[in-house]
Protein backbone atom coordinates (compact mmCIF):
# COMPACT_ATOMS: atom_id res chain seq x y z
CA MET A 1 -27.86 -3.09 19.71
CA LYS A 2 -28.51 -6.53 21.14
CA GLU A 3 -28.56 -9.70 19.14
CA PRO A 4 -32.14 -10.96 18.89
CA PRO A 5 -32.73 -14.23 20.73
CA GLN A 6 -32.58 -17.11 18.26
CA PHE A 7 -32.28 -20.12 20.51
CA LYS A 8 -35.05 -21.01 22.92
CA PHE A 9 -35.56 -24.20 24.85
CA SER A 10 -38.99 -25.82 24.76
CA PRO A 11 -40.30 -29.23 25.84
CA SER A 12 -40.22 -30.42 22.22
CA THR A 13 -36.49 -29.74 22.09
CA LEU A 14 -35.95 -32.59 24.51
CA ALA A 15 -39.00 -34.67 23.63
CA ILE A 16 -38.27 -35.14 19.91
CA PRO A 17 -34.82 -36.79 20.26
CA LEU A 18 -35.95 -38.69 23.35
CA TYR A 19 -39.01 -40.17 21.66
CA PHE A 20 -37.10 -41.05 18.51
CA VAL A 21 -34.43 -42.94 20.44
CA LEU A 22 -37.15 -44.60 22.52
CA ILE A 23 -38.80 -45.86 19.33
CA LEU A 24 -35.53 -47.49 18.29
CA TRP A 25 -35.37 -49.33 21.62
CA LEU A 26 -39.01 -50.40 21.36
CA VAL A 27 -38.40 -51.87 17.90
CA PHE A 28 -35.40 -53.79 19.23
CA TRP A 29 -37.40 -54.99 22.25
CA PHE A 30 -40.12 -56.19 19.88
CA GLU A 31 -37.58 -58.20 17.88
CA VAL A 32 -36.11 -59.83 20.98
CA LYS A 33 -39.45 -60.40 22.75
CA TYR A 34 -41.17 -62.08 19.82
CA GLY A 35 -38.18 -63.60 18.07
CA PHE A 36 -38.38 -61.53 14.90
CA ASN A 37 -35.43 -60.65 12.72
CA LEU A 38 -36.16 -57.46 10.81
CA ASN A 39 -32.82 -57.25 9.01
CA LYS A 40 -34.52 -58.12 5.71
CA PHE A 41 -36.26 -54.74 5.94
CA GLY A 42 -32.91 -52.99 5.74
CA ILE A 43 -31.47 -51.36 2.63
CA TYR A 44 -30.43 -53.90 0.03
CA PRO A 45 -28.64 -51.99 -2.74
CA ARG A 46 -29.92 -51.71 -6.30
CA THR A 47 -32.99 -53.89 -5.88
CA PHE A 48 -36.53 -52.61 -5.93
CA LYS A 49 -37.42 -54.56 -2.79
CA GLY A 50 -34.34 -53.19 -1.06
CA LEU A 51 -35.68 -49.64 -1.40
CA ARG A 52 -38.03 -50.19 1.51
CA GLY A 53 -34.97 -50.06 3.72
CA VAL A 54 -34.69 -46.34 3.01
CA PHE A 55 -37.66 -45.93 5.37
CA PHE A 56 -37.19 -48.88 7.74
CA SER A 57 -33.44 -49.37 8.15
CA PRO A 58 -32.84 -46.54 10.70
CA PHE A 59 -35.14 -48.37 13.15
CA ILE A 60 -33.38 -51.74 12.87
CA HIS A 61 -30.21 -52.72 14.74
CA GLY A 62 -28.21 -55.91 14.75
CA ASP A 63 -27.71 -56.21 18.52
CA ILE A 64 -27.93 -54.20 21.72
CA LYS A 65 -24.33 -52.99 21.39
CA HIS A 66 -25.11 -51.60 17.94
CA LEU A 67 -28.21 -49.87 19.29
CA TYR A 68 -26.45 -48.49 22.38
CA HIS A 69 -23.57 -46.98 20.40
CA ASN A 70 -26.05 -45.25 18.10
CA SER A 71 -28.43 -44.00 20.79
CA ILE A 72 -26.22 -41.50 22.62
CA PRO A 73 -24.78 -39.59 19.63
CA LEU A 74 -28.19 -39.70 17.94
CA PHE A 75 -29.84 -38.11 20.98
CA VAL A 76 -27.14 -35.43 21.38
CA LEU A 77 -27.02 -34.49 17.69
CA LEU A 78 -30.78 -34.53 17.19
CA PHE A 79 -31.19 -32.37 20.30
CA SER A 80 -28.64 -29.91 18.86
CA LEU A 81 -30.42 -29.86 15.52
CA VAL A 82 -33.82 -29.11 17.07
CA TYR A 83 -32.44 -26.50 19.49
CA PHE A 84 -30.19 -24.53 17.15
CA TYR A 85 -32.01 -25.05 13.84
CA ARG A 86 -35.61 -25.27 14.96
CA ASP A 87 -37.12 -23.73 11.80
CA ILE A 88 -35.51 -26.21 9.42
CA ALA A 89 -34.86 -29.18 11.71
CA LEU A 90 -37.74 -31.27 10.37
CA LYS A 91 -36.71 -30.71 6.75
CA ILE A 92 -33.09 -31.58 7.48
CA PHE A 93 -34.09 -34.72 9.34
CA LEU A 94 -36.69 -36.04 6.88
CA TYR A 95 -35.10 -35.03 3.58
CA GLY A 96 -31.65 -35.88 4.86
CA THR A 97 -32.72 -39.34 5.99
CA LEU A 98 -34.37 -39.96 2.62
CA ILE A 99 -31.33 -38.86 0.61
CA THR A 100 -28.94 -40.76 2.88
CA GLY A 101 -30.94 -43.94 2.35
CA ILE A 102 -31.16 -43.52 -1.42
CA LEU A 103 -27.42 -42.81 -1.73
CA THR A 104 -26.68 -45.89 0.35
CA TRP A 105 -28.99 -47.94 -1.89
CA ILE A 106 -27.06 -46.69 -4.95
CA ILE A 107 -23.43 -47.02 -3.82
CA ALA A 108 -23.37 -49.73 -1.16
CA ARG A 109 -22.13 -53.29 -1.52
CA LYS A 110 -24.59 -56.17 -1.76
CA SER A 111 -25.68 -56.68 1.81
CA TYR A 112 -28.44 -55.58 4.16
CA HIS A 113 -27.60 -52.17 5.60
CA ILE A 114 -29.33 -51.39 8.89
CA GLY A 115 -29.07 -48.93 11.75
CA ALA A 116 -29.36 -45.20 12.41
CA SER A 117 -25.67 -44.44 11.87
CA GLY A 118 -26.38 -42.83 8.49
CA ILE A 119 -28.61 -40.31 10.26
CA ILE A 120 -25.89 -39.72 12.86
CA TYR A 121 -23.39 -38.84 10.14
CA LEU A 122 -25.99 -36.65 8.45
CA LEU A 123 -26.55 -34.66 11.66
CA PHE A 124 -22.85 -34.55 12.53
CA SER A 125 -21.94 -33.23 9.09
CA PHE A 126 -24.80 -30.72 8.91
CA ILE A 127 -24.19 -29.23 12.35
CA PHE A 128 -20.44 -28.98 11.87
CA PHE A 129 -20.42 -27.46 8.38
CA SER A 130 -23.49 -25.30 8.93
CA GLY A 131 -21.85 -23.51 11.84
CA ILE A 132 -18.76 -22.80 9.75
CA ILE A 133 -20.69 -21.64 6.69
CA ARG A 134 -22.98 -19.31 8.64
CA LYS A 135 -20.09 -17.69 10.57
CA ASN A 136 -22.28 -17.44 13.63
CA PHE A 137 -20.05 -17.57 16.71
CA ARG A 138 -22.49 -19.63 18.74
CA LEU A 139 -22.96 -22.14 15.95
CA ILE A 140 -19.20 -22.30 15.35
CA ALA A 141 -18.82 -23.11 19.06
CA VAL A 142 -21.38 -25.89 18.64
CA SER A 143 -19.43 -27.17 15.62
CA LEU A 144 -16.25 -27.31 17.67
CA VAL A 145 -18.00 -29.17 20.48
CA VAL A 146 -19.40 -31.67 17.97
CA ILE A 147 -16.01 -32.30 16.39
CA PHE A 148 -14.48 -32.65 19.88
CA LEU A 149 -17.07 -35.22 20.95
CA TYR A 150 -17.46 -37.16 17.72
CA GLY A 151 -14.49 -36.26 15.55
CA SER A 152 -13.26 -39.86 15.70
CA MET A 153 -16.32 -40.84 13.64
CA VAL A 154 -14.49 -39.56 10.57
CA TRP A 155 -12.44 -42.78 10.54
CA TYR A 156 -15.59 -44.79 9.93
CA LEU A 157 -16.12 -43.04 6.62
CA LEU A 158 -13.50 -45.53 5.45
CA PRO A 159 -13.96 -49.30 5.15
CA VAL A 160 -12.06 -50.02 8.35
CA LYS A 161 -14.40 -52.82 9.49
CA GLU A 162 -16.13 -55.33 7.28
CA ASN A 163 -19.43 -55.42 9.21
CA ILE A 164 -19.85 -51.63 9.36
CA SER A 165 -21.78 -49.85 6.62
CA TRP A 166 -19.22 -47.19 5.78
CA GLU A 167 -21.27 -46.52 2.63
CA GLY A 168 -24.17 -45.39 4.82
CA HIS A 169 -21.79 -43.19 6.78
CA VAL A 170 -20.44 -41.56 3.63
CA SER A 171 -23.97 -41.07 2.29
CA GLY A 172 -25.09 -39.32 5.48
CA PHE A 173 -21.93 -37.23 5.64
CA MET A 174 -22.32 -36.01 2.05
CA ALA A 175 -26.03 -35.29 2.55
CA GLY A 176 -25.17 -33.22 5.62
CA ILE A 177 -22.68 -31.10 3.66
CA PHE A 178 -25.25 -30.56 0.92
CA PHE A 179 -27.98 -29.43 3.32
CA ALA A 180 -25.56 -27.23 5.29
CA TYR A 181 -24.89 -25.32 2.07
CA TYR A 182 -28.42 -25.49 0.63
CA TYR A 183 -30.06 -24.15 3.81
CA ARG A 184 -27.28 -21.69 4.65
CA LYS A 185 -29.69 -18.74 4.35
CA TYR A 186 -32.39 -20.34 6.48
CA GLY A 187 -32.48 -20.52 10.25
CA PRO A 188 -30.03 -18.66 12.52
CA GLN A 189 -27.61 -16.31 10.79
CA LYS A 190 -24.50 -14.36 11.67
CA PHE A 191 -25.55 -11.32 13.68
CA ARG A 192 -25.24 -8.07 11.76
CA TYR A 193 -25.67 -4.58 13.14
CA ASP A 194 -28.16 -2.37 11.33
CA TRP A 195 -25.43 -0.37 9.64
CA GLU A 196 -23.91 -3.56 8.23
CA LYS A 197 -27.06 -4.42 6.29
CA ASP A 198 -27.34 -3.72 2.57
CA ASP A 199 -30.54 -1.68 2.87
CA TYR A 200 -29.23 0.58 5.63
CA GLU A 201 -29.21 4.30 4.78
CA LYS A 202 -26.39 6.61 5.87
CA ASP A 203 -28.91 9.03 7.36
CA ASP A 204 -30.15 6.24 9.61
CA PHE A 205 -26.62 5.73 10.86
CA ASP A 206 -26.19 9.45 11.59
CA ASN A 207 -29.43 9.45 13.56
CA LEU A 208 -27.94 6.98 16.03
CA PHE A 209 -25.80 9.77 17.50
CA ASP A 210 -26.60 13.09 19.16
CA ASP A 211 -24.97 16.45 18.40
CA GLN A 212 -22.05 15.62 20.69
CA GLY A 213 -21.36 12.33 18.90
CA ASN A 214 -22.72 10.17 21.71
CA LEU A 215 -24.74 7.05 20.91
CA LYS A 216 -28.43 7.67 21.55
CA PRO A 217 -30.30 5.16 23.74
CA PRO A 218 -33.02 3.10 22.05
CA ASP A 219 -36.43 4.77 21.80
CA ASN A 220 -37.85 2.60 24.55
CA GLU A 221 -35.03 3.35 26.99
CA SER A 222 -34.08 6.46 28.93
CA ILE A 223 -30.88 7.64 30.56
């Protein structure tokens, strides 16, 4: 009884995070090249005009250091999301980004909130908690790798620096937990043998063995 393959690499697995990060750099290049400052398109809490930042803020960064520090974890986590949760990756990314932005708009202090860090915390939280909830050994291993690489990000859920949008981090983190639980039955699951399933009949289990009690080979195999 082999576990069915759930994780397959395809060109889109690499292309999606690569293109998204590239777009962030192109937006920053556009700002620098033509002298624009797009910060006003960020999230400005509890104002109708500030709602546009829910859609635009992830693409806007204050400086190249801000962009650089967001690019690597964003690429790694988005790659992990697409590879391990292919069937629901788009929903997690789009709905999660939307909810993260709205929560930030509701709870944040009066200031422009920009950058993709809210998405990073969304992905970090979803991947970590989803692996634990699903009890899939491969996904748990991914969760442990994520916490090993980016566990220090937890400190930035607190207002440790004045110019960092910890509210956006908290919003993304909470959205990730919500989606990890909400989509727990979608995508890859813990592997279960046939006899562990609820609809498995005892007679089916008995048919797996011959008269001597030996496990029969699958129908498409011979010994």
